Amino acid sequence: QLQASGGGSVQAGGSLRLSCTASGRFFVMNHMMSWYRQAPGKQRELVARITFGGSTNYADSVKGRFAISRDRAKNTVYLEMNNLEPEDTAVYYCNSQNDLLGTYWGQGTLVTVSS
């Protein structure tokens, strides 16, 4: 129900935009949507979140560089990543949470940043 895409390999300082598109009767506007990432040998961590009301919050390590947004018409959540650093290298996952509808994960998309 959640399809993530947009990962790739970039050099430090570059940009990528990740997309998480919902399908079926799954509507991103009905869920709190988040992006997580997991680097090799590390735990999965929250990167960015957008609430039902549109409020956003970010991990300190990405503040000012990443931006989460959503598009009702496209039923998609985006993660715009700018000024990428090698430390941003990870598999990125989209996540949805709704108290009644449950929690869902998309498949990961790999982001590799070279120095």
PDB file of N, CA and C in Angstrom:
ATOM      1  N   GLN A   1       0.807  -1.204   0.000  1.00  0.00           N
ATOM      2  CA  GLN A   1       0.000   0.000   0.000  1.00  0.00           C
ATOM      3  C   GLN A   1       0.845   1.259   0.000  1.00  0.00           C
ATOM      4  N   LEU A   2       2.108   1.165   0.426  1.00  0.00           N
ATOM      5  CA  LEU A   2       3.032   2.296   0.398  1.00  0.00           C
ATOM      6  C   LEU A   2       4.217   1.915  -0.479  1.00  0.00           C
ATOM      7  N   GLN A   3       4.461   2.712  -1.486  1.00  0.00           N
ATOM      8  CA  GLN A   3       5.546   2.447  -2.429  1.00  0.00           C
ATOM      9  C   GLN A   3       6.529   3.589  -2.370  1.00  0.00           C
ATOM     10  N   ALA A   4       7.732   3.307  -1.893  1.00  0.00           N
ATOM     11  CA  ALA A   4       8.765   4.333  -1.801  1.00  0.00           C
ATOM     12  C   ALA A   4       9.661   4.282  -3.027  1.00  0.00           C
ATOM     13  N   SER A   5      10.127   5.444  -3.441  1.00  0.00           N
ATOM     14  CA  SER A   5      11.019   5.528  -4.589  1.00  0.00           C
ATOM     15  C   SER A   5      11.847   6.801  -4.482  1.00  0.00           C
ATOM     16  N   GLY A   6      12.828   6.921  -5.366  1.00  0.00           N
ATOM     17  CA  GLY A   6      13.609   8.145  -5.443  1.00  0.00           C
ATOM     18  C   GLY A   6      15.009   8.050  -4.898  1.00  0.00           C
ATOM     19  N   GLY A   7      15.362   6.931  -4.317  1.00  0.00           N
ATOM     20  CA  GLY A   7      16.704   6.785  -3.801  1.00  0.00           C
ATOM     21  C   GLY A   7      17.730   6.722  -4.923  1.00  0.00           C
ATOM     22  N   GLY A   8      18.984   6.835  -4.563  1.00  0.00           N
ATOM     23  CA  GLY A   8      20.043   6.779  -5.547  1.00  0.00           C
ATOM     24  C   GLY A   8      21.368   7.153  -4.944  1.00  0.00           C
ATOM     25  N   SER A   9      22.339   7.353  -5.796  1.00  0.00           N
ATOM     26  CA  SER A   9      23.688   7.711  -5.358  1.00  0.00           C
ATOM     27  C   SER A   9      23.995   9.143  -5.778  1.00  0.00           C
ATOM     28  N   VAL A  10      24.447   9.932  -4.829  1.00  0.00           N
ATOM     29  CA  VAL A  10      24.811  11.322  -5.111  1.00  0.00           C
ATOM     30  C   VAL A  10      26.102  11.659  -4.380  1.00  0.00           C
ATOM     31  N   GLN A  11      26.707  12.733  -4.800  1.00  0.00           N
ATOM     32  CA  GLN A  11      27.885  13.228  -4.097  1.00  0.00           C
ATOM     33  C   GLN A  11      27.443  14.165  -2.970  1.00  0.00           C
ATOM     34  N   ALA A  12      28.312  14.315  -2.004  1.00  0.00           N
ATOM     35  CA  ALA A  12      28.017  15.221  -0.899  1.00  0.00           C
ATOM     36  C   ALA A  12      27.678  16.601  -1.439  1.00  0.00           C
ATOM     37  N   GLY A  13      26.663  17.199  -0.843  1.00  0.00           N
ATOM     38  CA  GLY A  13      26.184  18.487  -1.302  1.00  0.00           C
ATOM     39  C   GLY A  13      25.041  18.393  -2.293  1.00  0.00           C
ATOM     40  N   GLY A  14      24.790  17.206  -2.786  1.00  0.00           N
ATOM     41  CA  GLY A  14      23.728  17.007  -3.758  1.00  0.00           C
ATOM     42  C   GLY A  14      22.354  16.903  -3.128  1.00  0.00           C
ATOM     43  N   SER A  15      21.370  16.656  -3.976  1.00  0.00           N
ATOM     44  CA  SER A  15      19.981  16.602  -3.537  1.00  0.00           C
ATOM     45  C   SER A  15      19.267  15.385  -4.124  1.00  0.00           C
ATOM     46  N   LEU A  16      18.283  14.932  -3.395  1.00  0.00           N
ATOM     47  CA  LEU A  16      17.392  13.869  -3.862  1.00  0.00           C
ATOM     48  C   LEU A  16      16.000  14.153  -3.324  1.00  0.00           C
ATOM     49  N   ARG A  17      15.004  13.660  -4.013  1.00  0.00           N
ATOM     50  CA  ARG A  17      13.642  13.721  -3.504  1.00  0.00           C
ATOM     51  C   ARG A  17      13.065  12.309  -3.461  1.00  0.00           C
ATOM     52  N   LEU A  18      12.693  11.893  -2.275  1.00  0.00           N
ATOM     53  CA  LEU A  18      12.055  10.599  -2.099  1.00  0.00           C
ATOM     54  C   LEU A  18      10.543  10.763  -2.167  1.00  0.00           C
ATOM     55  N   SER A  19       9.897   9.753  -2.718  1.00  0.00           N
ATOM     56  CA  SER A  19       8.435   9.755  -2.803  1.00  0.00           C
ATOM     57  C   SER A  19       7.889   8.512  -2.132  1.00  0.00           C
ATOM     58  N   CYS A  20       6.748   8.651  -1.511  1.00  0.00           N
ATOM     59  CA  CYS A  20       6.041   7.527  -0.903  1.00  0.00           C
ATOM     60  C   CYS A  20       4.598   7.635  -1.373  1.00  0.00           C
ATOM     61  N   THR A  21       4.210   6.766  -2.281  1.00  0.00           N
ATOM     62  CA  THR A  21       2.885   6.829  -2.886  1.00  0.00           C
ATOM     63  C   THR A  21       2.000   5.735  -2.323  1.00  0.00           C
ATOM     64  N   ALA A  22       0.820   6.138  -1.908  1.00  0.00           N
ATOM     65  CA  ALA A  22      -0.140   5.188  -1.355  1.00  0.00           C
ATOM     66  C   ALA A  22      -1.077   4.705  -2.438  1.00  0.00           C
ATOM     67  N   SER A  23      -1.551   3.504  -2.278  1.00  0.00           N
ATOM     68  CA  SER A  23      -2.439   2.922  -3.278  1.00  0.00           C
ATOM     69  C   SER A  23      -3.658   2.292  -2.606  1.00  0.00           C
ATOM     70  N   GLY A  24      -4.587   1.894  -3.432  1.00  0.00           N
ATOM     71  CA  GLY A  24      -5.810   1.286  -2.920  1.00  0.00           C
ATOM     72  C   GLY A  24      -6.649   2.291  -2.168  1.00  0.00           C
ATOM     73  N   ARG A  25      -7.191   1.883  -1.031  1.00  0.00           N
ATOM     74  CA  ARG A  25      -8.034   2.761  -0.232  1.00  0.00           C
ATOM     75  C   ARG A  25      -7.232   3.422   0.886  1.00  0.00           C
ATOM     76  N   PHE A  26      -5.953   3.526   0.674  1.00  0.00           N
ATOM     77  CA  PHE A  26      -5.045   4.133   1.638  1.00  0.00           C
ATOM     78  C   PHE A  26      -4.822   5.576   1.235  1.00  0.00           C
ATOM     79  N   PHE A  27      -5.132   6.499   2.109  1.00  0.00           N
ATOM     80  CA  PHE A  27      -4.999   7.917   1.802  1.00  0.00           C
ATOM     81  C   PHE A  27      -4.046   8.564   2.789  1.00  0.00           C
ATOM     82  N   VAL A  28      -2.993   9.185   2.272  1.00  0.00           N
ATOM     83  CA  VAL A  28      -1.949   9.724   3.143  1.00  0.00           C
ATOM     84  C   VAL A  28      -2.488  10.814   4.058  1.00  0.00           C
ATOM     85  N   MET A  29      -3.552  11.495   3.651  1.00  0.00           N
ATOM     86  CA  MET A  29      -4.104  12.574   4.457  1.00  0.00           C
ATOM     87  C   MET A  29      -4.776  12.043   5.727  1.00  0.00           C
ATOM     88  N   ASN A  30      -5.038  10.749   5.771  1.00  0.00           N
ATOM     89  CA  ASN A  30      -5.693  10.149   6.933  1.00  0.00           C
ATOM     90  C   ASN A  30      -4.720   9.575   7.941  1.00  0.00           C
ATOM     91  N   HIS A  31      -3.436   9.738   7.674  1.00  0.00           N
ATOM     92  CA  HIS A  31      -2.412   9.129   8.517  1.00  0.00           C
ATOM     93  C   HIS A  31      -1.357  10.156   8.892  1.00  0.00           C
ATOM     94  N   MET A  32      -0.725   9.930  10.010  1.00  0.00           N
ATOM     95  CA  MET A  32       0.500  10.655  10.295  1.00  0.00           C
ATOM     96  C   MET A  32       1.591   9.948   9.509  1.00  0.00           C
ATOM     97  N   MET A  33       2.276  10.678   8.656  1.00  0.00           N
ATOM     98  CA  MET A  33       3.255  10.088   7.761  1.00  0.00           C
ATOM     99  C   MET A  33       4.667  10.475   8.176  1.00  0.00           C
ATOM    100  N   SER A  34       5.552   9.506   8.102  1.00  0.00           N
ATOM    101  CA  SER A  34       6.925   9.735   8.542  1.00  0.00           C
ATOM    102  C   SER A  34       7.905   9.082   7.577  1.00  0.00           C
ATOM    103  N   TRP A  35       9.111   9.594   7.614  1.00  0.00           N
ATOM    104  CA  TRP A  35      10.245   8.945   6.966  1.00  0.00           C
ATOM    105  C   TRP A  35      11.223   8.532   8.063  1.00  0.00           C
ATOM    106  N   TYR A  36      11.665   7.296   7.981  1.00  0.00           N
ATOM    107  CA  TYR A  36      12.697   6.769   8.854  1.00  0.00           C
ATOM    108  C   TYR A  36      13.886   6.368   7.983  1.00  0.00           C
ATOM    109  N   ARG A  37      15.014   6.172   8.626  1.00  0.00           N
ATOM    110  CA  ARG A  37      16.164   5.645   7.896  1.00  0.00           C
ATOM    111  C   ARG A  37      16.949   4.701   8.787  1.00  0.00           C
ATOM    112  N   GLN A  38      17.653   3.805   8.143  1.00  0.00           N
ATOM    113  CA  GLN A  38      18.495   2.853   8.868  1.00  0.00           C
ATOM    114  C   GLN A  38      19.814   2.713   8.135  1.00  0.00           C
ATOM    115  N   ALA A  39      20.862   3.150   8.803  1.00  0.00           N
ATOM    116  CA  ALA A  39      22.207   3.025   8.251  1.00  0.00           C
ATOM    117  C   ALA A  39      22.785   1.675   8.647  1.00  0.00           C
ATOM    118  N   PRO A  40      23.759   1.189   7.907  1.00  0.00           N
ATOM    119  CA  PRO A  40      24.365  -0.115   8.234  1.00  0.00           C
ATOM    120  C   PRO A  40      24.868  -0.154   9.674  1.00  0.00           C
ATOM    121  N   GLY A  41      24.463  -1.170  10.392  1.00  0.00           N
ATOM    122  CA  GLY A  41      24.927  -1.349  11.764  1.00  0.00           C
ATOM    123  C   GLY A  41      24.269  -0.440  12.783  1.00  0.00           C
ATOM    124  N   LYS A  42      23.267   0.325  12.363  1.00  0.00           N
ATOM    125  CA  LYS A  42      22.597   1.251  13.277  1.00  0.00           C
ATOM    126  C   LYS A  42      21.109   0.957  13.348  1.00  0.00           C
ATOM    127  N   GLN A  43      20.486   1.495  14.391  1.00  0.00           N
ATOM    128  CA  GLN A  43      19.050   1.323  14.547  1.00  0.00           C
ATOM    129  C   GLN A  43      18.297   2.261  13.611  1.00  0.00           C
ATOM    130  N   ARG A  44      17.088   1.873  13.303  1.00  0.00           N
ATOM    131  CA  ARG A  44      16.236   2.728  12.498  1.00  0.00           C
ATOM    132  C   ARG A  44      15.889   3.979  13.296  1.00  0.00           C
ATOM    133  N   GLU A  45      15.945   5.132  12.625  1.00  0.00           N
ATOM    134  CA  GLU A  45      15.684   6.388  13.311  1.00  0.00           C
ATOM    135  C   GLU A  45      14.688   7.235  12.530  1.00  0.00           C
ATOM    136  N   LEU A  46      13.935   8.030  13.273  1.00  0.00           N
ATOM    137  CA  LEU A  46      12.981   8.941  12.658  1.00  0.00           C
ATOM    138  C   LEU A  46      13.724  10.108  12.032  1.00  0.00           C
ATOM    139  N   VAL A  47      13.368  10.414  10.790  1.00  0.00           N
ATOM    140  CA  VAL A  47      13.987  11.517  10.072  1.00  0.00           C
ATOM    141  C   VAL A  47      13.057  12.720  10.025  1.00  0.00           C
ATOM    142  N   ALA A  48      11.810  12.489   9.632  1.00  0.00           N
ATOM    143  CA  ALA A  48      10.864  13.597   9.483  1.00  0.00           C
ATOM    144  C   ALA A  48       9.451  13.053   9.603  1.00  0.00           C
ATOM    145  N   ARG A  49       8.543  13.929  10.042  1.00  0.00           N
ATOM    146  CA  ARG A  49       7.168  13.521  10.257  1.00  0.00           C
ATOM    147  C   ARG A  49       6.241  14.675   9.894  1.00  0.00           C
ATOM    148  N   ILE A  50       5.079  14.328   9.351  1.00  0.00           N
ATOM    149  CA  ILE A  50       4.048  15.317   9.096  1.00  0.00           C
ATOM    150  C   ILE A  50       2.747  14.801   9.692  1.00  0.00           C
ATOM    151  N   THR A  51       2.114  15.632  10.505  1.00  0.00           N
ATOM    152  CA  THR A  51       0.923  15.198  11.219  1.00  0.00           C
ATOM    153  C   THR A  51      -0.321  15.400  10.369  1.00  0.00           C
ATOM    154  N   PHE A  52      -1.462  14.989  10.926  1.00  0.00           N
ATOM    155  CA  PHE A  52      -2.744  15.159  10.257  1.00  0.00           C
ATOM    156  C   PHE A  52      -2.964  16.628   9.894  1.00  0.00           C
ATOM    157  N   GLY A  53      -2.595  17.497  10.813  1.00  0.00           N
ATOM    158  CA  GLY A  53      -2.826  18.918  10.607  1.00  0.00           C
ATOM    159  C   GLY A  53      -1.785  19.602   9.758  1.00  0.00           C
ATOM    160  N   GLY A  54      -0.772  18.852   9.356  1.00  0.00           N
ATOM    161  CA  GLY A  54       0.244  19.433   8.500  1.00  0.00           C
ATOM    162  C   GLY A  54       1.476  19.929   9.222  1.00  0.00           C
ATOM    163  N   SER A  55       1.503  19.777  10.553  1.00  0.00           N
ATOM    164  CA  SER A  55       2.712  20.164  11.284  1.00  0.00           C
ATOM    165  C   SER A  55       3.837  19.191  10.974  1.00  0.00           C
ATOM    166  N   THR A  56       5.040  19.723  10.965  1.00  0.00           N
ATOM    167  CA  THR A  56       6.191  18.888  10.643  1.00  0.00           C
ATOM    168  C   THR A  56       7.213  18.937  11.770  1.00  0.00           C
ATOM    169  N   ASN A  57       7.961  17.885  11.910  1.00  0.00           N
ATOM    170  CA  ASN A  57       9.124  17.898  12.791  1.00  0.00           C
ATOM    171  C   ASN A  57      10.213  17.018  12.208  1.00  0.00           C
ATOM    172  N   TYR A  58      11.437  17.328  12.606  1.00  0.00           N
ATOM    173  CA  TYR A  58      12.616  16.727  11.989  1.00  0.00           C
ATOM    174  C   TYR A  58      13.641  16.317  13.036  1.00  0.00           C
ATOM    175  N   ALA A  59      14.426  15.318  12.676  1.00  0.00           N
ATOM    176  CA  ALA A  59      15.580  14.987  13.488  1.00  0.00           C
ATOM    177  C   ALA A  59      16.554  16.164  13.442  1.00  0.00           C
ATOM    178  N   ASP A  60      17.237  16.384  14.539  1.00  0.00           N
ATOM    179  CA  ASP A  60      18.171  17.516  14.591  1.00  0.00           C
ATOM    180  C   ASP A  60      19.205  17.447  13.475  1.00  0.00           C
ATOM    181  N   SER A  61      19.600  16.243  13.105  1.00  0.00           N
ATOM    182  CA  SER A  61      20.672  16.081  12.120  1.00  0.00           C
ATOM    183  C   SER A  61      20.270  16.506  10.713  1.00  0.00           C
ATOM    184  N   VAL A  62      18.963  16.653  10.472  1.00  0.00           N
ATOM    185  CA  VAL A  62      18.512  17.006   9.111  1.00  0.00           C
ATOM    186  C   VAL A  62      17.792  18.339   9.053  1.00  0.00           C
ATOM    187  N   LYS A  63      17.603  18.980  10.202  1.00  0.00           N
ATOM    188  CA  LYS A  63      16.908  20.266  10.209  1.00  0.00           C
ATOM    189  C   LYS A  63      17.598  21.267   9.306  1.00  0.00           C
ATOM    190  N   GLY A  64      16.808  21.950   8.504  1.00  0.00           N
ATOM    191  CA  GLY A  64      17.349  22.945   7.594  1.00  0.00           C
ATOM    192  C   GLY A  64      17.818  22.370   6.273  1.00  0.00           C
ATOM    193  N   ARG A  65      17.892  21.043   6.178  1.00  0.00           N
ATOM    194  CA  ARG A  65      18.343  20.408   4.937  1.00  0.00           C
ATOM    195  C   ARG A  65      17.252  19.569   4.282  1.00  0.00           C
ATOM    196  N   PHE A  66      16.405  18.964   5.099  1.00  0.00           N
ATOM    197  CA  PHE A  66      15.352  18.084   4.597  1.00  0.00           C
ATOM    198  C   PHE A  66      13.993  18.748   4.798  1.00  0.00           C
ATOM    199  N   ALA A  67      13.048  18.403   3.929  1.00  0.00           N
ATOM    200  CA  ALA A  67      11.685  18.904   4.071  1.00  0.00           C
ATOM    201  C   ALA A  67      10.700  17.817   3.675  1.00  0.00           C
ATOM    202  N   ILE A  68       9.718  17.587   4.554  1.00  0.00           N
ATOM    203  CA  ILE A  68       8.668  16.612   4.283  1.00  0.00           C
ATOM    204  C   ILE A  68       7.418  17.360   3.837  1.00  0.00           C
ATOM    205  N   SER A  69       6.728  16.796   2.866  1.00  0.00           N
ATOM    206  CA  SER A  69       5.498  17.415   2.377  1.00  0.00           C
ATOM    207  C   SER A  69       4.578  16.320   1.857  1.00  0.00           C
ATOM    208  N   ARG A  70       3.352  16.682   1.555  1.00  0.00           N
ATOM    209  CA  ARG A  70       2.410  15.701   1.047  1.00  0.00           C
ATOM    210  C   ARG A  70       1.532  16.353  -0.012  1.00  0.00           C
ATOM    211  N   ASP A  71       1.066  15.533  -0.923  1.00  0.00           N
ATOM    212  CA  ASP A  71       0.236  15.982  -2.029  1.00  0.00           C
ATOM    213  C   ASP A  71      -1.040  15.161  -2.020  1.00  0.00           C
ATOM    214  N   ARG A  72      -2.148  15.823  -1.696  1.00  0.00           N
ATOM    215  CA  ARG A  72      -3.420  15.116  -1.592  1.00  0.00           C
ATOM    216  C   ARG A  72      -3.809  14.479  -2.922  1.00  0.00           C
ATOM    217  N   ALA A  73      -3.672  15.234  -3.999  1.00  0.00           N
ATOM    218  CA  ALA A  73      -4.120  14.759  -5.306  1.00  0.00           C
ATOM    219  C   ALA A  73      -3.314  13.548  -5.777  1.00  0.00           C
ATOM    220  N   LYS A  74      -2.032  13.559  -5.457  1.00  0.00           N
ATOM    221  CA  LYS A  74      -1.178  12.450  -5.878  1.00  0.00           C
ATOM    222  C   LYS A  74      -1.091  11.356  -4.813  1.00  0.00           C
ATOM    223  N   ASN A  75      -1.699  11.615  -3.659  1.00  0.00           N
ATOM    224  CA  ASN A  75      -1.692  10.644  -2.567  1.00  0.00           C
ATOM    225  C   ASN A  75      -0.258  10.200  -2.251  1.00  0.00           C
ATOM    226  N   THR A  76       0.596  11.189  -2.161  1.00  0.00           N
ATOM    227  CA  THR A  76       2.026  10.939  -2.030  1.00  0.00           C
ATOM    228  C   THR A  76       2.633  11.845  -0.965  1.00  0.00           C
ATOM    229  N   VAL A  77       3.600  11.295  -0.257  1.00  0.00           N
ATOM    230  CA  VAL A  77       4.404  12.057   0.694  1.00  0.00           C
ATOM    231  C   VAL A  77       5.823  12.127   0.148  1.00  0.00           C
ATOM    232  N   TYR A  78       6.423  13.286   0.278  1.00  0.00           N
ATOM    233  CA  TYR A  78       7.763  13.496  -0.252  1.00  0.00           C
ATOM    234  C   TYR A  78       8.756  13.800   0.857  1.00  0.00           C
ATOM    235  N   LEU A  79      10.005  13.492   0.589  1.00  0.00           N
ATOM    236  CA  LEU A  79      11.090  13.949   1.451  1.00  0.00           C
ATOM    237  C   LEU A  79      12.128  14.587   0.539  1.00  0.00           C
ATOM    238  N   GLU A  80      12.179  15.895   0.574  1.00  0.00           N
ATOM    239  CA  GLU A  80      13.175  16.640  -0.189  1.00  0.00           C
ATOM    240  C   GLU A  80      14.438  16.714   0.644  1.00  0.00           C
ATOM    241  N   MET A  81      15.538  16.231   0.078  1.00  0.00           N
ATOM    242  CA  MET A  81      16.800  16.172   0.819  1.00  0.00           C
ATOM    243  C   MET A  81      17.841  17.003   0.081  1.00  0.00           C
ATOM    244  N   ASN A  82      18.317  18.026   0.727  1.00  0.00           N
ATOM    245  CA  ASN A  82      19.318  18.926   0.151  1.00  0.00           C
ATOM    246  C   ASN A  82      20.606  18.896   0.955  1.00  0.00           C
ATOM    247  N   ASN A  83      21.670  19.355   0.319  1.00  0.00           N
ATOM    248  CA  ASN A  83      22.971  19.407   0.985  1.00  0.00           C
ATOM    249  C   ASN A  83      23.293  18.081   1.689  1.00  0.00           C
ATOM    250  N   LEU A  84      23.138  17.005   0.945  1.00  0.00           N
ATOM    251  CA  LEU A  84      23.332  15.679   1.519  1.00  0.00           C
ATOM    252  C   LEU A  84      24.761  15.471   1.986  1.00  0.00           C
ATOM    253  N   GLU A  85      24.875  14.711   3.060  1.00  0.00           N
ATOM    254  CA  GLU A  85      26.164  14.398   3.660  1.00  0.00           C
ATOM    255  C   GLU A  85      26.358  12.881   3.645  1.00  0.00           C
ATOM    256  N   PRO A  86      27.614  12.423   3.670  1.00  0.00           N
ATOM    257  CA  PRO A  86      27.849  10.974   3.706  1.00  0.00           C
ATOM    258  C   PRO A  86      27.108  10.292   4.864  1.00  0.00           C
ATOM    259  N   GLU A  87      26.923  11.019   5.956  1.00  0.00           N
ATOM    260  CA  GLU A  87      26.213  10.457   7.107  1.00  0.00           C
ATOM    261  C   GLU A  87      24.732  10.217   6.833  1.00  0.00           C
ATOM    262  N   ASP A  88      24.224  10.755   5.743  1.00  0.00           N
ATOM    263  CA  ASP A  88      22.828  10.521   5.381  1.00  0.00           C
ATOM    264  C   ASP A  88      22.645   9.193   4.642  1.00  0.00           C
ATOM    265  N   THR A  89      23.723   8.516   4.346  1.00  0.00           N
ATOM    266  CA  THR A  89      23.646   7.223   3.664  1.00  0.00           C
ATOM    267  C   THR A  89      22.872   6.228   4.512  1.00  0.00           C
ATOM    268  N   ALA A  90      21.822   5.671   3.928  1.00  0.00           N
ATOM    269  CA  ALA A  90      20.951   4.753   4.668  1.00  0.00           C
ATOM    270  C   ALA A  90      19.869   4.237   3.735  1.00  0.00           C
ATOM    271  N   VAL A  91      19.138   3.250   4.227  1.00  0.00           N
ATOM    272  CA  VAL A  91      17.892   2.855   3.586  1.00  0.00           C
ATOM    273  C   VAL A  91      16.786   3.677   4.225  1.00  0.00           C
ATOM    274  N   TYR A  92      16.006   4.331   3.416  1.00  0.00           N
ATOM    275  CA  TYR A  92      14.931   5.208   3.889  1.00  0.00           C
ATOM    276  C   TYR A  92      13.585   4.500   3.714  1.00  0.00           C
ATOM    277  N   TYR A  93      12.777   4.583   4.765  1.00  0.00           N
ATOM    278  CA  TYR A  93      11.480   3.921   4.783  1.00  0.00           C
ATOM    279  C   TYR A  93      10.375   4.948   5.060  1.00  0.00           C
ATOM    280  N   CYS A  94       9.268   4.820   4.354  1.00  0.00           N
ATOM    281  CA  CYS A  94       8.118   5.631   4.742  1.00  0.00           C
ATOM    282  C   CYS A  94       7.234   4.823   5.673  1.00  0.00           C
ATOM    283  N   ASN A  95       6.542   5.552   6.527  1.00  0.00           N
ATOM    284  CA  ASN A  95       5.752   4.942   7.596  1.00  0.00           C
ATOM    285  C   ASN A  95       4.469   5.722   7.753  1.00  0.00           C
ATOM    286  N   SER A  96       3.392   5.004   8.053  1.00  0.00           N
ATOM    287  CA  SER A  96       2.126   5.666   8.334  1.00  0.00           C
ATOM    288  C   SER A  96       1.593   5.176   9.670  1.00  0.00           C
ATOM    289  N   GLN A  97       0.928   6.086  10.379  1.00  0.00           N
ATOM    290  CA  GLN A  97       0.339   5.732  11.658  1.00  0.00           C
ATOM    291  C   GLN A  97      -1.052   6.334  11.772  1.00  0.00           C
ATOM    292  N   ASN A  98      -1.976   5.498  12.204  1.00  0.00           N
ATOM    293  CA  ASN A  98      -3.338   5.948  12.459  1.00  0.00           C
ATOM    294  C   ASN A  98      -3.879   5.048  13.559  1.00  0.00           C
ATOM    295  N   ASP A  99      -4.405   5.634  14.618  1.00  0.00           N
ATOM    296  CA  ASP A  99      -4.833   4.850  15.765  1.00  0.00           C
ATOM    297  C   ASP A  99      -5.888   3.805  15.401  1.00  0.00           C
ATOM    298  N   LEU A 100      -6.718   4.110  14.454  1.00  0.00           N
ATOM    299  CA  LEU A 100      -7.776   3.168  14.077  1.00  0.00           C
ATOM    300  C   LEU A 100      -7.351   2.247  12.946  1.00  0.00           C
ATOM    301  N   LEU A 101      -6.566   2.780  12.022  1.00  0.00           N
ATOM    302  CA  LEU A 101      -6.227   2.011  10.820  1.00  0.00           C
ATOM    303  C   LEU A 101      -4.912   1.253  10.951  1.00  0.00           C
ATOM    304  N   GLY A 102      -4.123   1.587  11.963  1.00  0.00           N
ATOM    305  CA  GLY A 102      -2.897   0.845  12.193  1.00  0.00           C
ATOM    306  C   GLY A 102      -1.657   1.519  11.652  1.00  0.00           C
ATOM    307  N   THR A 103      -0.580   0.770  11.663  1.00  0.00           N
ATOM    308  CA  THR A 103       0.735   1.253  11.230  1.00  0.00           C
ATOM    309  C   THR A 103       1.198   0.449  10.029  1.00  0.00           C
ATOM    310  N   TYR A 104       1.739   1.146   9.038  1.00  0.00           N
ATOM    311  CA  TYR A 104       2.223   0.484   7.831  1.00  0.00           C
ATOM    312  C   TYR A 104       3.596   1.018   7.468  1.00  0.00           C
ATOM    313  N   TRP A 105       4.359   0.145   6.824  1.00  0.00           N
ATOM    314  CA  TRP A 105       5.689   0.501   6.339  1.00  0.00           C
ATOM    315  C   TRP A 105       5.763   0.248   4.844  1.00  0.00           C
ATOM    316  N   GLY A 106       6.422   1.160   4.147  1.00  0.00           N
ATOM    317  CA  GLY A 106       6.743   0.910   2.758  1.00  0.00           C
ATOM    318  C   GLY A 106       8.054   0.159   2.672  1.00  0.00           C
ATOM    319  N   GLN A 107       8.384  -0.303   1.490  1.00  0.00           N
ATOM    320  CA  GLN A 107       9.689  -0.942   1.332  1.00  0.00           C
ATOM    321  C   GLN A 107      10.753   0.155   1.335  1.00  0.00           C
ATOM    322  N   GLY A 108      11.955  -0.156   1.628  1.00  0.00           N
ATOM    323  CA  GLY A 108      13.001   0.847   1.722  1.00  0.00           C
ATOM    324  C   GLY A 108      13.521   1.277   0.362  1.00  0.00           C
ATOM    325  N   THR A 109      14.105   2.452   0.367  1.00  0.00           N
ATOM    326  CA  THR A 109      14.797   2.939  -0.821  1.00  0.00           C
ATOM    327  C   THR A 109      16.181   3.424  -0.384  1.00  0.00           C
ATOM    328  N   LEU A 110      17.204   2.986  -1.085  1.00  0.00           N
ATOM    329  CA  LEU A 110      18.581   3.220  -0.648  1.00  0.00           C
ATOM    330  C   LEU A 110      19.089   4.572  -1.129  1.00  0.00           C
ATOM    331  N   VAL A 111      19.656   5.317  -0.204  1.00  0.00           N
ATOM    332  CA  VAL A 111      20.319   6.582  -0.508  1.00  0.00           C
ATOM    333  C   VAL A 111      21.792   6.431  -0.151  1.00  0.00           C
ATOM    334  N   THR A 112      22.658   6.690  -1.114  1.00  0.00           N
ATOM    335  CA  THR A 112      24.101   6.602  -0.899  1.00  0.00           C
ATOM    336  C   THR A 112      24.723   7.950  -1.230  1.00  0.00           C
ATOM    337  N   VAL A 113      25.421   8.524  -0.263  1.00  0.00           N
ATOM    338  CA  VAL A 113      26.069   9.818  -0.445  1.00  0.00           C
ATOM    339  C   VAL A 113      27.575   9.619  -0.330  1.00  0.00           C
ATOM    340  N   SER A 114      28.276   9.969  -1.372  1.00  0.00           N
ATOM    341  CA  SER A 114      29.726   9.811  -1.381  1.00  0.00           C
ATOM    342  C   SER A 114      30.415  11.150  -1.127  1.00  0.00           C
ATOM    343  N   SER A 115      31.575  11.064  -0.513  1.00  0.00           N
ATOM    344  CA  SER A 115      32.308  12.299  -0.171  1.00  0.00           C
ATOM    345  C   SER A 115      33.222  12.727  -1.299  1.00  0.00           C
TER     346      SER A 115
END
